[in-house]
């Protein structure tokens, strides 16, 4: 499996935003939490496909899996800059 560097950076950034918001039940802006979660799921689908992303209970779990596997080297992160 492989993702591009911009896809990885987008997933990592959105995951960090979602984590900073805290738990949904106690977050300051539930609409922003849902919007960010939806954007994160879309980014995961773009990177690894719907079937893979949909196997997780939440977008946050899918993103954590992608980021962890990319950092461990089990997912290849491609630099898509054209020379």
N, C-alpha and C. Protein backbone atom coordinates (compact mmCIF):
# COMPACT_ATOMS: atom_id res chain seq x y z
N UNK A 1 0.85 -1.16 0.00
CA UNK A 1 0.00 0.00 0.00
C UNK A 1 0.90 1.23 0.00
N UNK A 2 0.45 2.29 -0.65
CA UNK A 2 1.23 3.51 -0.71
C UNK A 2 0.32 4.73 -0.72
N UNK A 3 0.83 5.83 -0.18
CA UNK A 3 0.13 7.11 -0.18
C UNK A 3 1.14 8.16 -0.61
N UNK A 4 0.66 9.27 -1.11
CA UNK A 4 1.56 10.34 -1.48
C UNK A 4 1.87 11.19 -0.24
N UNK A 5 2.95 11.92 -0.31
CA UNK A 5 3.33 12.78 0.80
C UNK A 5 2.25 13.83 1.12
N UNK A 6 1.65 14.48 0.12
CA UNK A 6 0.57 15.43 0.45
C UNK A 6 -0.63 14.75 1.12
N UNK A 7 -0.96 13.52 0.71
CA UNK A 7 -2.06 12.79 1.36
C UNK A 7 -1.71 12.49 2.81
N UNK A 8 -0.47 12.04 3.05
CA UNK A 8 -0.03 11.75 4.41
C UNK A 8 -0.08 13.01 5.27
N UNK A 9 0.42 14.12 4.74
CA UNK A 9 0.44 15.37 5.50
C UNK A 9 -0.97 15.86 5.81
N UNK A 10 -1.90 15.70 4.86
CA UNK A 10 -3.28 16.11 5.08
C UNK A 10 -3.92 15.27 6.19
N UNK A 11 -3.73 13.96 6.12
CA UNK A 11 -4.29 13.05 7.13
C UNK A 11 -3.70 13.37 8.49
N UNK A 12 -2.39 13.55 8.56
CA UNK A 12 -1.72 13.85 9.82
C UNK A 12 -2.22 15.17 10.41
N UNK A 13 -2.37 16.18 9.57
CA UNK A 13 -2.83 17.49 10.02
C UNK A 13 -4.26 17.45 10.53
N UNK A 14 -5.15 16.82 9.77
CA UNK A 14 -6.56 16.73 10.19
C UNK A 14 -6.71 15.89 11.45
N UNK A 15 -5.91 14.84 11.57
CA UNK A 15 -5.96 14.01 12.77
C UNK A 15 -5.53 14.83 13.99
N UNK A 16 -4.48 15.64 13.84
CA UNK A 16 -4.02 16.49 14.94
C UNK A 16 -5.09 17.51 15.32
N UNK A 17 -5.75 18.10 14.33
CA UNK A 17 -6.83 19.05 14.61
C UNK A 17 -7.94 18.39 15.41
N UNK A 18 -8.32 17.20 15.00
CA UNK A 18 -9.40 16.48 15.67
C UNK A 18 -9.00 16.11 17.10
N UNK A 19 -7.79 15.68 17.29
CA UNK A 19 -7.32 15.33 18.62
C UNK A 19 -7.26 16.55 19.54
N UNK A 20 -6.90 17.71 18.99
CA UNK A 20 -6.87 18.93 19.80
C UNK A 20 -8.26 19.35 20.25
N UNK A 21 -9.29 18.98 19.51
CA UNK A 21 -10.66 19.34 19.88
C UNK A 21 -11.15 18.55 21.09
N UNK A 22 -10.52 17.43 21.37
CA UNK A 22 -10.95 16.60 22.49
C UNK A 22 -12.08 15.67 22.09
N UNK A 23 -12.74 15.13 23.07
CA UNK A 23 -13.86 14.22 22.83
C UNK A 23 -15.06 14.98 22.25
N UNK A 24 -15.81 14.35 21.39
CA UNK A 24 -16.96 14.99 20.76
C UNK A 24 -17.95 15.52 21.80
N UNK A 25 -18.20 14.72 22.83
CA UNK A 25 -19.21 15.07 23.83
C UNK A 25 -18.86 16.32 24.62
N UNK A 26 -17.58 16.65 24.70
CA UNK A 26 -17.16 17.80 25.51
C UNK A 26 -16.46 18.88 24.71
N UNK A 27 -16.43 18.75 23.38
CA UNK A 27 -15.73 19.76 22.57
C UNK A 27 -16.51 21.07 22.54
N UNK A 28 -15.80 22.15 22.29
CA UNK A 28 -16.40 23.48 22.29
C UNK A 28 -17.32 23.71 21.08
N UNK A 29 -17.01 23.09 19.96
CA UNK A 29 -17.78 23.31 18.73
C UNK A 29 -18.08 21.97 18.05
N UNK A 30 -19.21 21.34 18.38
CA UNK A 30 -19.54 20.03 17.79
C UNK A 30 -19.61 20.04 16.26
N UNK A 31 -20.09 21.14 15.69
CA UNK A 31 -20.18 21.20 14.22
C UNK A 31 -18.79 21.18 13.58
N UNK A 32 -17.85 21.89 14.18
CA UNK A 32 -16.48 21.88 13.66
C UNK A 32 -15.86 20.49 13.82
N UNK A 33 -16.17 19.81 14.90
CA UNK A 33 -15.67 18.45 15.12
C UNK A 33 -16.18 17.53 14.02
N UNK A 34 -17.46 17.58 13.74
CA UNK A 34 -18.05 16.73 12.70
C UNK A 34 -17.48 17.07 11.33
N UNK A 35 -17.36 18.37 11.05
CA UNK A 35 -16.81 18.80 9.76
C UNK A 35 -15.37 18.29 9.59
N UNK A 36 -14.56 18.42 10.63
CA UNK A 36 -13.18 17.95 10.57
C UNK A 36 -13.12 16.43 10.44
N UNK A 37 -13.98 15.74 11.16
CA UNK A 37 -14.03 14.28 11.07
C UNK A 37 -14.41 13.83 9.66
N UNK A 38 -15.36 14.52 9.05
CA UNK A 38 -15.76 14.18 7.68
C UNK A 38 -14.63 14.44 6.69
N UNK A 39 -13.93 15.56 6.87
CA UNK A 39 -12.78 15.86 6.00
C UNK A 39 -11.69 14.82 6.17
N UNK A 40 -11.49 14.38 7.41
CA UNK A 40 -10.48 13.35 7.68
C UNK A 40 -10.86 12.04 7.01
N UNK A 41 -12.12 11.65 7.11
CA UNK A 41 -12.54 10.41 6.45
C UNK A 41 -12.37 10.51 4.94
N UNK A 42 -12.73 11.65 4.36
CA UNK A 42 -12.54 11.84 2.91
C UNK A 42 -11.06 11.74 2.52
N UNK A 43 -10.18 12.31 3.35
CA UNK A 43 -8.75 12.24 3.06
C UNK A 43 -8.25 10.79 3.15
N UNK A 44 -8.77 10.05 4.11
CA UNK A 44 -8.39 8.64 4.23
C UNK A 44 -8.87 7.84 3.01
N UNK A 45 -10.09 8.09 2.59
CA UNK A 45 -10.64 7.40 1.41
C UNK A 45 -9.81 7.73 0.18
N UNK A 46 -9.45 9.00 0.01
CA UNK A 46 -8.62 9.39 -1.13
C UNK A 46 -7.27 8.68 -1.12
N UNK A 47 -6.73 8.47 0.07
CA UNK A 47 -5.39 7.88 0.19
C UNK A 47 -5.39 6.37 0.05
N UNK A 48 -6.34 5.69 0.72
CA UNK A 48 -6.27 4.22 0.78
C UNK A 48 -7.50 3.52 0.23
N UNK A 49 -8.50 4.25 -0.21
CA UNK A 49 -9.69 3.64 -0.78
C UNK A 49 -10.81 3.47 0.23
N UNK A 50 -12.03 3.46 -0.25
CA UNK A 50 -13.21 3.40 0.61
C UNK A 50 -13.27 2.10 1.41
N UNK A 51 -13.03 0.98 0.77
CA UNK A 51 -13.15 -0.31 1.46
C UNK A 51 -12.21 -0.40 2.66
N UNK A 52 -10.97 0.04 2.49
CA UNK A 52 -10.01 -0.01 3.60
C UNK A 52 -10.42 0.97 4.70
N UNK A 53 -10.75 2.20 4.33
CA UNK A 53 -11.09 3.23 5.32
C UNK A 53 -12.37 2.89 6.07
N UNK A 54 -13.29 2.26 5.40
CA UNK A 54 -14.59 1.96 6.01
C UNK A 54 -14.52 0.78 6.99
N UNK A 55 -13.42 0.07 7.04
CA UNK A 55 -13.27 -1.05 7.98
C UNK A 55 -13.03 -0.58 9.42
N UNK A 56 -12.80 0.70 9.62
CA UNK A 56 -12.53 1.24 10.95
C UNK A 56 -13.79 1.84 11.55
N UNK A 57 -13.83 1.89 12.88
CA UNK A 57 -15.00 2.42 13.58
C UNK A 57 -15.14 3.94 13.41
N UNK A 58 -14.03 4.62 13.17
CA UNK A 58 -14.08 6.07 13.02
C UNK A 58 -12.97 6.53 12.08
N UNK A 59 -13.12 7.76 11.60
CA UNK A 59 -12.08 8.34 10.75
C UNK A 59 -10.79 8.50 11.53
N UNK A 60 -10.90 8.81 12.81
CA UNK A 60 -9.72 8.98 13.65
C UNK A 60 -8.92 7.68 13.77
N UNK A 61 -9.62 6.56 13.93
CA UNK A 61 -8.93 5.27 14.00
C UNK A 61 -8.24 4.93 12.69
N UNK A 62 -8.90 5.21 11.59
CA UNK A 62 -8.31 4.94 10.27
C UNK A 62 -7.08 5.81 10.07
N UNK A 63 -7.18 7.08 10.41
CA UNK A 63 -6.05 7.99 10.25
C UNK A 63 -4.88 7.56 11.13
N UNK A 64 -5.16 7.16 12.35
CA UNK A 64 -4.10 6.71 13.25
C UNK A 64 -3.39 5.49 12.67
N UNK A 65 -4.15 4.59 12.07
CA UNK A 65 -3.55 3.41 11.44
C UNK A 65 -2.66 3.80 10.28
N UNK A 66 -3.14 4.70 9.44
CA UNK A 66 -2.35 5.13 8.27
C UNK A 66 -1.08 5.82 8.71
N UNK A 67 -1.18 6.74 9.66
CA UNK A 67 0.00 7.48 10.12
C UNK A 67 1.00 6.54 10.78
N UNK A 68 0.53 5.68 11.65
CA UNK A 68 1.43 4.75 12.33
C UNK A 68 2.12 3.82 11.34
N UNK A 69 1.37 3.28 10.40
CA UNK A 69 1.96 2.36 9.42
C UNK A 69 2.94 3.09 8.50
N UNK A 70 2.64 4.35 8.17
CA UNK A 70 3.57 5.12 7.33
C UNK A 70 4.87 5.40 8.09
N UNK A 71 4.76 5.72 9.37
CA UNK A 71 5.96 5.98 10.17
C UNK A 71 6.77 4.71 10.41
N UNK A 72 6.10 3.58 10.49
CA UNK A 72 6.79 2.31 10.67
C UNK A 72 7.33 1.74 9.36
N UNK A 73 6.89 2.28 8.24
CA UNK A 73 7.39 1.83 6.95
C UNK A 73 6.59 0.71 6.31
N UNK A 74 5.44 0.36 6.88
CA UNK A 74 4.63 -0.69 6.25
C UNK A 74 3.70 -0.12 5.18
N UNK A 75 3.57 1.20 5.15
CA UNK A 75 2.92 1.91 4.04
C UNK A 75 3.98 2.81 3.43
N UNK A 76 4.13 2.76 2.13
CA UNK A 76 5.11 3.59 1.44
C UNK A 76 4.54 4.99 1.22
N UNK A 77 5.32 5.99 1.60
CA UNK A 77 4.92 7.38 1.36
C UNK A 77 5.75 7.89 0.19
N UNK A 78 5.05 8.22 -0.90
CA UNK A 78 5.70 8.65 -2.12
C UNK A 78 5.76 10.17 -2.20
N UNK A 79 6.90 10.71 -2.51
CA UNK A 79 7.03 12.13 -2.78
C UNK A 79 6.63 12.33 -4.24
N UNK A 80 5.50 12.99 -4.45
CA UNK A 80 4.97 13.05 -5.82
C UNK A 80 5.44 14.30 -6.57
N UNK A 81 6.56 14.88 -6.20
CA UNK A 81 7.11 16.03 -6.90
C UNK A 81 7.73 15.54 -8.22
N UNK A 82 7.30 16.16 -9.29
CA UNK A 82 7.82 15.76 -10.60
C UNK A 82 9.10 16.53 -10.89
N UNK A 83 10.08 15.85 -11.40
CA UNK A 83 11.37 16.48 -11.69
C UNK A 83 11.36 17.13 -13.05
